[in-house]
């Protein structure tokens, strides 16, 4: 069984490490929501949902770099996996452990960052951490 979220995160991390301008990822609503958060938090430059000739949709993610091609995405850690789900109440998101690190949480209100989940007072499944 494959993990589509891990696939998305690793594709972005590897493409960023190789200093690619863009990377294409198979699309789903969950992946589009995750990429939307990555753009809002400043980890990627932009994204587009596109379709190929066979009517398969994909997300084209435009990567972001600082200065002379230093990658913005320094690290990614998948927390909740298909074999081991990790759920946290909103009180667990009251402060950030590492400077610049963002946790992405799947909540009843959709995908949110840890800060947004704390402000909305909703807990959920802790998907990943990115810094």
N, C-alpha and C. Protein backbone atom coordinates (compact mmCIF):
# COMPACT_ATOMS: atom_id res chain seq x y z
N UNK A 1 0.84 -1.19 0.00
CA UNK A 1 0.00 0.00 0.00
C UNK A 1 0.88 1.24 0.00
N UNK A 2 0.65 2.14 -0.92
CA UNK A 2 1.47 3.34 -1.02
C UNK A 2 0.84 4.47 -0.20
N UNK A 3 1.66 5.42 0.14
CA UNK A 3 1.22 6.57 0.92
C UNK A 3 1.33 7.81 0.04
N UNK A 4 0.20 8.34 -0.46
CA UNK A 4 0.26 9.47 -1.40
C UNK A 4 0.83 10.75 -0.80
N UNK A 5 0.64 10.97 0.50
CA UNK A 5 1.17 12.18 1.12
C UNK A 5 2.70 12.11 1.19
N UNK A 6 3.21 10.94 1.59
CA UNK A 6 4.67 10.77 1.63
C UNK A 6 5.26 10.94 0.24
N UNK A 7 4.58 10.40 -0.76
CA UNK A 7 5.04 10.53 -2.14
C UNK A 7 5.15 12.00 -2.53
N UNK A 8 4.13 12.79 -2.23
CA UNK A 8 4.14 14.22 -2.54
C UNK A 8 5.29 14.93 -1.84
N UNK A 9 5.44 14.68 -0.55
CA UNK A 9 6.48 15.36 0.22
C UNK A 9 7.88 15.00 -0.25
N UNK A 10 8.11 13.73 -0.53
CA UNK A 10 9.43 13.30 -0.97
C UNK A 10 9.75 13.81 -2.37
N UNK A 11 8.75 13.87 -3.25
CA UNK A 11 8.99 14.44 -4.59
C UNK A 11 9.41 15.90 -4.49
N UNK A 12 8.75 16.66 -3.62
CA UNK A 12 9.11 18.07 -3.44
C UNK A 12 10.50 18.20 -2.83
N UNK A 13 10.78 17.39 -1.83
CA UNK A 13 12.09 17.45 -1.18
C UNK A 13 13.22 17.08 -2.14
N UNK A 14 13.05 15.99 -2.90
CA UNK A 14 14.09 15.55 -3.83
C UNK A 14 14.29 16.55 -4.97
N UNK A 15 13.20 17.07 -5.53
CA UNK A 15 13.32 18.05 -6.61
C UNK A 15 13.99 19.33 -6.12
N UNK A 16 13.66 19.73 -4.91
CA UNK A 16 14.28 20.92 -4.33
C UNK A 16 15.78 20.69 -4.11
N UNK A 17 16.12 19.51 -3.64
CA UNK A 17 17.53 19.18 -3.40
C UNK A 17 18.33 19.16 -4.71
N UNK A 18 17.68 18.75 -5.79
CA UNK A 18 18.33 18.71 -7.10
C UNK A 18 18.26 20.04 -7.84
N UNK A 19 17.66 21.04 -7.21
CA UNK A 19 17.52 22.39 -7.74
C UNK A 19 16.74 22.40 -9.07
N UNK A 20 15.63 21.66 -9.08
CA UNK A 20 14.72 21.69 -10.23
C UNK A 20 13.84 22.93 -10.12
N UNK A 21 13.39 23.42 -11.26
CA UNK A 21 12.49 24.57 -11.28
C UNK A 21 11.08 24.17 -10.87
N UNK A 22 10.66 22.96 -11.30
CA UNK A 22 9.30 22.50 -11.02
C UNK A 22 9.28 20.98 -10.91
N UNK A 23 8.18 20.47 -10.34
CA UNK A 23 7.98 19.03 -10.23
C UNK A 23 6.50 18.74 -10.43
N UNK A 24 6.18 17.65 -11.14
CA UNK A 24 4.80 17.26 -11.38
C UNK A 24 4.43 16.10 -10.45
N UNK A 25 3.24 16.20 -9.88
CA UNK A 25 2.77 15.23 -8.89
C UNK A 25 1.34 14.85 -9.25
N UNK A 26 0.99 13.54 -9.24
CA UNK A 26 -0.41 13.16 -9.48
C UNK A 26 -1.34 13.89 -8.50
N UNK A 27 -2.49 14.30 -8.97
CA UNK A 27 -3.37 15.17 -8.20
C UNK A 27 -4.45 14.42 -7.43
N UNK A 28 -4.82 14.99 -6.29
CA UNK A 28 -6.01 14.60 -5.52
C UNK A 28 -6.41 15.84 -4.71
N UNK A 29 -7.61 15.83 -4.16
CA UNK A 29 -8.05 17.00 -3.39
C UNK A 29 -7.17 17.21 -2.16
N UNK A 30 -6.77 16.12 -1.51
CA UNK A 30 -5.92 16.21 -0.33
C UNK A 30 -4.56 16.82 -0.69
N UNK A 31 -3.98 16.37 -1.79
CA UNK A 31 -2.68 16.89 -2.22
C UNK A 31 -2.76 18.36 -2.59
N UNK A 32 -3.84 18.76 -3.25
CA UNK A 32 -4.02 20.18 -3.61
C UNK A 32 -4.12 21.02 -2.34
N UNK A 33 -4.84 20.55 -1.34
CA UNK A 33 -4.94 21.28 -0.07
C UNK A 33 -3.58 21.40 0.61
N UNK A 34 -2.81 20.33 0.57
CA UNK A 34 -1.48 20.33 1.19
C UNK A 34 -0.56 21.31 0.48
N UNK A 35 -0.59 21.30 -0.85
CA UNK A 35 0.26 22.21 -1.63
C UNK A 35 -0.17 23.66 -1.42
N UNK A 36 -1.49 23.90 -1.27
CA UNK A 36 -1.99 25.24 -0.99
C UNK A 36 -1.39 25.77 0.31
N UNK A 37 -1.31 24.92 1.33
CA UNK A 37 -0.72 25.33 2.61
C UNK A 37 0.77 25.59 2.45
N UNK A 38 1.47 24.75 1.70
CA UNK A 38 2.90 24.96 1.48
C UNK A 38 3.17 26.29 0.79
N UNK A 39 2.30 26.68 -0.14
CA UNK A 39 2.46 27.99 -0.79
C UNK A 39 2.17 29.12 0.18
N UNK A 40 1.11 28.98 0.97
CA UNK A 40 0.75 30.03 1.93
C UNK A 40 1.83 30.23 2.99
N UNK A 41 2.53 29.15 3.34
CA UNK A 41 3.58 29.24 4.35
C UNK A 41 4.94 29.61 3.75
N UNK A 42 5.02 29.74 2.43
CA UNK A 42 6.24 30.21 1.78
C UNK A 42 7.26 29.14 1.46
N UNK A 43 6.87 27.87 1.44
CA UNK A 43 7.81 26.80 1.13
C UNK A 43 7.94 26.53 -0.36
N UNK A 44 6.93 26.91 -1.14
CA UNK A 44 7.00 26.77 -2.60
C UNK A 44 6.61 28.10 -3.23
N UNK A 45 7.02 28.30 -4.48
CA UNK A 45 6.73 29.57 -5.16
C UNK A 45 5.29 29.62 -5.65
N UNK A 46 4.82 28.53 -6.28
CA UNK A 46 3.47 28.51 -6.83
C UNK A 46 3.12 27.08 -7.21
N UNK A 47 1.86 26.88 -7.63
CA UNK A 47 1.42 25.57 -8.12
C UNK A 47 0.27 25.77 -9.08
N UNK A 48 0.06 24.78 -9.94
CA UNK A 48 -1.05 24.77 -10.89
C UNK A 48 -1.59 23.36 -10.97
N UNK A 49 -2.90 23.22 -11.01
CA UNK A 49 -3.52 21.93 -11.26
C UNK A 49 -3.74 21.85 -12.76
N UNK A 50 -3.16 20.82 -13.40
CA UNK A 50 -3.19 20.71 -14.85
C UNK A 50 -3.71 19.33 -15.26
N UNK A 51 -3.93 19.17 -16.56
CA UNK A 51 -4.39 17.91 -17.12
C UNK A 51 -3.52 17.54 -18.31
N UNK A 52 -3.16 16.25 -18.41
CA UNK A 52 -2.37 15.83 -19.57
C UNK A 52 -3.29 15.38 -20.71
N UNK A 53 -2.72 14.87 -21.79
CA UNK A 53 -3.50 14.48 -22.97
C UNK A 53 -4.47 13.33 -22.67
N UNK A 54 -4.17 12.52 -21.68
CA UNK A 54 -5.02 11.37 -21.34
C UNK A 54 -6.05 11.72 -20.26
N UNK A 55 -6.22 13.01 -20.00
CA UNK A 55 -7.19 13.52 -19.03
C UNK A 55 -6.87 13.13 -17.58
N UNK A 56 -5.59 12.88 -17.29
CA UNK A 56 -5.15 12.65 -15.92
C UNK A 56 -4.72 13.99 -15.34
N UNK A 57 -5.24 14.32 -14.17
CA UNK A 57 -4.86 15.61 -13.59
C UNK A 57 -3.61 15.44 -12.73
N UNK A 58 -2.81 16.49 -12.71
CA UNK A 58 -1.60 16.51 -11.90
C UNK A 58 -1.37 17.93 -11.40
N UNK A 59 -0.53 18.03 -10.39
CA UNK A 59 -0.18 19.32 -9.80
C UNK A 59 1.24 19.65 -10.24
N UNK A 60 1.42 20.80 -10.83
CA UNK A 60 2.76 21.27 -11.16
C UNK A 60 3.18 22.25 -10.06
N UNK A 61 4.19 21.85 -9.30
CA UNK A 61 4.68 22.64 -8.18
C UNK A 61 5.95 23.36 -8.61
N UNK A 62 5.93 24.69 -8.48
CA UNK A 62 7.10 25.51 -8.79
C UNK A 62 7.86 25.74 -7.49
N UNK A 63 9.10 25.30 -7.46
CA UNK A 63 9.89 25.33 -6.23
C UNK A 63 10.48 26.71 -5.98
N UNK A 64 10.80 26.96 -4.73
CA UNK A 64 11.29 28.26 -4.30
C UNK A 64 12.70 28.10 -3.73
N UNK A 65 13.56 29.05 -4.06
CA UNK A 65 14.94 29.03 -3.57
C UNK A 65 15.31 30.39 -3.02
N UNK A 66 16.32 30.41 -2.17
CA UNK A 66 16.82 31.65 -1.58
C UNK A 66 18.21 31.91 -2.14
N UNK A 67 18.45 33.15 -2.54
CA UNK A 67 19.78 33.53 -3.00
C UNK A 67 20.27 32.68 -4.16
N UNK A 68 21.47 32.15 -4.01
CA UNK A 68 22.08 31.36 -5.09
C UNK A 68 21.68 29.90 -4.99
N UNK A 69 20.39 29.66 -5.24
CA UNK A 69 19.82 28.31 -5.31
C UNK A 69 19.94 27.51 -3.99
N UNK A 70 19.77 28.19 -2.87
CA UNK A 70 19.68 27.47 -1.60
C UNK A 70 18.22 27.12 -1.38
N UNK A 71 17.94 25.84 -1.15
CA UNK A 71 16.56 25.37 -1.06
C UNK A 71 15.86 25.92 0.17
N UNK A 72 14.58 26.26 0.01
CA UNK A 72 13.76 26.76 1.11
C UNK A 72 13.33 25.60 2.00
N UNK A 73 13.00 24.46 1.38
CA UNK A 73 12.58 23.27 2.13
C UNK A 73 13.84 22.59 2.66
N UNK A 74 14.12 22.78 3.94
CA UNK A 74 15.30 22.18 4.55
C UNK A 74 15.05 20.74 4.98
N UNK A 75 13.82 20.45 5.39
CA UNK A 75 13.52 19.09 5.82
C UNK A 75 12.02 18.84 5.89
N UNK A 76 11.67 17.58 5.76
CA UNK A 76 10.28 17.16 5.84
C UNK A 76 10.24 15.88 6.66
N UNK A 77 9.26 15.81 7.56
CA UNK A 77 9.10 14.60 8.36
C UNK A 77 7.64 14.20 8.34
N UNK A 78 7.37 12.99 7.88
CA UNK A 78 6.01 12.44 7.89
C UNK A 78 5.75 11.91 9.30
N UNK A 79 4.70 12.35 9.94
CA UNK A 79 4.42 11.95 11.32
C UNK A 79 3.39 10.84 11.36
N UNK A 80 2.19 11.10 10.89
CA UNK A 80 1.14 10.10 10.88
C UNK A 80 1.24 9.30 9.59
N UNK A 81 1.30 7.99 9.71
CA UNK A 81 1.42 7.11 8.54
C UNK A 81 0.21 6.20 8.47
N UNK A 82 -0.01 5.52 7.35
CA UNK A 82 -1.15 4.60 7.27
C UNK A 82 -1.10 3.50 8.32
N UNK A 83 0.10 3.09 8.72
CA UNK A 83 0.22 2.03 9.72
C UNK A 83 0.19 2.55 11.15
N UNK A 84 0.38 3.85 11.35
CA UNK A 84 0.41 4.42 12.69
C UNK A 84 -0.11 5.86 12.64
N UNK A 85 -1.37 6.02 12.97
CA UNK A 85 -1.99 7.34 12.95
C UNK A 85 -1.66 8.07 14.26
N UNK A 86 -1.40 9.38 14.15
CA UNK A 86 -1.09 10.20 15.32
C UNK A 86 -2.10 11.34 15.38
N UNK A 87 -2.89 11.39 16.46
CA UNK A 87 -3.89 12.42 16.65
C UNK A 87 -3.50 13.29 17.84
N UNK A 88 -3.74 14.59 17.74
CA UNK A 88 -3.42 15.53 18.82
C UNK A 88 -4.59 16.48 19.05
N UNK A 89 -4.83 16.86 20.31
CA UNK A 89 -5.83 17.91 20.57
C UNK A 89 -5.25 19.27 20.22
N UNK A 90 -6.12 20.26 20.10
CA UNK A 90 -5.63 21.59 19.70
C UNK A 90 -4.67 22.19 20.71
N UNK A 91 -4.76 21.79 21.97
CA UNK A 91 -3.86 22.35 23.00
C UNK A 91 -2.40 21.93 22.76
N UNK A 92 -2.18 20.87 22.00
CA UNK A 92 -0.81 20.43 21.70
C UNK A 92 -0.12 21.38 20.71
N UNK A 93 -0.89 22.25 20.07
CA UNK A 93 -0.33 23.16 19.06
C UNK A 93 -0.13 24.57 19.60
N UNK A 94 -0.12 24.75 20.91
CA UNK A 94 -0.08 26.09 21.48
C UNK A 94 1.22 26.83 21.18
N UNK A 95 2.31 26.10 21.01
CA UNK A 95 3.58 26.77 20.67
C UNK A 95 4.35 25.89 19.69
N UNK A 96 5.17 26.52 18.91
CA UNK A 96 5.97 25.77 17.94
C UNK A 96 7.27 25.35 18.60
N UNK A 97 7.64 24.09 18.37
CA UNK A 97 8.86 23.54 18.97
C UNK A 97 10.12 24.09 18.31
N UNK A 98 10.12 24.17 16.99
CA UNK A 98 11.30 24.62 16.26
C UNK A 98 10.97 25.88 15.48
N UNK A 99 11.90 26.78 15.42
CA UNK A 99 11.68 28.04 14.69
C UNK A 99 11.54 27.74 13.21
N UNK A 100 10.46 28.23 12.62
CA UNK A 100 10.24 28.05 11.19
C UNK A 100 9.59 26.74 10.80
N UNK A 101 9.45 25.81 11.72
CA UNK A 101 8.82 24.52 11.40
C UNK A 101 7.30 24.67 11.45
N UNK A 102 6.64 24.01 10.51
CA UNK A 102 5.19 24.06 10.42
C UNK A 102 4.66 22.64 10.45
N UNK A 103 3.68 22.39 11.29
CA UNK A 103 2.99 21.11 11.31
C UNK A 103 1.72 21.26 10.49
N UNK A 104 1.38 20.25 9.71
CA UNK A 104 0.14 20.25 8.94
C UNK A 104 -0.79 19.22 9.56
N UNK A 105 -2.01 19.67 9.86
CA UNK A 105 -2.97 18.86 10.61
C UNK A 105 -4.23 18.66 9.77
N UNK A 106 -4.72 17.42 9.73
CA UNK A 106 -5.98 17.12 9.07
C UNK A 106 -7.08 17.22 10.13
N UNK A 107 -7.96 18.18 9.98
CA UNK A 107 -9.01 18.43 10.97
C UNK A 107 -10.38 18.30 10.32
N UNK A 108 -11.45 18.33 11.12
CA UNK A 108 -12.79 18.36 10.53
C UNK A 108 -13.05 19.59 9.66
N UNK A 109 -12.25 20.64 9.84
CA UNK A 109 -12.37 21.85 9.03
C UNK A 109 -11.44 21.84 7.83
N UNK A 110 -10.84 20.70 7.52
CA UNK A 110 -9.91 20.59 6.40
C UNK A 110 -8.47 20.60 6.88
N UNK A 111 -7.53 20.69 5.95
CA UNK A 111 -6.13 20.75 6.32
C UNK A 111 -5.80 22.15 6.83
N UNK A 112 -5.12 22.18 7.98
CA UNK A 112 -4.72 23.45 8.60
C UNK A 112 -3.29 23.33 9.09
N UNK A 113 -2.63 24.47 9.29
CA UNK A 113 -1.34 24.46 9.96
C UNK A 113 -1.60 24.33 11.45
N UNK A 114 -0.56 24.06 12.21
CA UNK A 114 -0.71 23.93 13.66
C UNK A 114 -1.23 25.22 14.28
N UNK A 115 -0.76 26.34 13.79
CA UNK A 115 -1.19 27.64 14.32
C UNK A 115 -2.68 27.89 14.02
N UNK A 116 -3.11 27.56 12.81
CA UNK A 116 -4.52 27.73 12.44
C UNK A 116 -5.41 26.79 13.25
N UNK A 117 -4.95 25.56 13.48
CA UNK A 117 -5.74 24.60 14.26
C UNK A 117 -5.89 25.08 15.70
N UNK A 118 -4.84 25.66 16.25
CA UNK A 118 -4.90 26.19 17.62
C UNK A 118 -5.88 27.36 17.70
N UNK A 119 -5.84 28.25 16.72
CA UNK A 119 -6.74 29.40 16.72
C UNK A 119 -8.19 28.97 16.52
N UNK A 120 -8.42 27.92 15.71
CA UNK A 120 -9.77 27.43 15.47
C UNK A 120 -10.24 26.47 16.57
N UNK A 121 -9.33 26.12 17.47
CA UNK A 121 -9.61 25.19 18.57
C UNK A 121 -10.13 23.85 18.08
N UNK A 122 -9.42 23.29 17.08
CA UNK A 122 -9.73 21.96 16.59
C UNK A 122 -8.47 21.12 16.56
N UNK A 123 -8.58 19.89 17.00
CA UNK A 123 -7.47 18.94 16.93
C UNK A 123 -7.63 18.09 15.69
N UNK A 124 -6.72 17.15 15.51
CA UNK A 124 -6.83 16.28 14.35
C UNK A 124 -5.61 15.42 14.17
N UNK A 125 -5.53 14.84 13.00
CA UNK A 125 -4.41 13.96 12.67
C UNK A 125 -3.20 14.79 12.24
N UNK A 126 -2.09 14.56 12.88
CA UNK A 126 -0.85 15.26 12.59
C UNK A 126 -0.18 14.60 11.38
N UNK A 127 -0.27 15.23 10.22
CA UNK A 127 0.21 14.62 8.98
C UNK A 127 1.73 14.70 8.83
N UNK A 128 2.28 15.92 8.92
CA UNK A 128 3.71 16.07 8.66
C UNK A 128 4.23 17.36 9.29
N UNK A 129 5.55 17.44 9.29
CA UNK A 129 6.25 18.65 9.75
C UNK A 129 7.20 19.05 8.63
N UNK A 130 7.24 20.33 8.34
CA UNK A 130 8.14 20.83 7.29
C UNK A 130 8.87 22.05 7.82
N UNK A 131 10.14 22.14 7.51
CA UNK A 131 10.95 23.29 7.93
C UNK A 131 11.95 23.64 6.87
